[in-house]
Amino acid sequence: MSRPLGARKPRGDMKPTSPVAKDDRNAGKQRTEKADLLDRMRERIHGKPDAG
């Protein structure tokens, strides 16, 4: 009988040095950098937003 699609084998203890954890950190860093870049581009295109 096959496993349900959501069930996965345990991957063992996740060490902070594992490649998956490193990829997660890099993805988070890229997400924040992309958000900052979009904010800067928005300011450049539309001018600085009015405070209120």
Foldseek 3Di string as FASTA:
>chain_A
DDDPPPDDDDPPDDDCPDPVVVVVVVVVVVVVVVVVVVVVVCCVVVNDDDDD
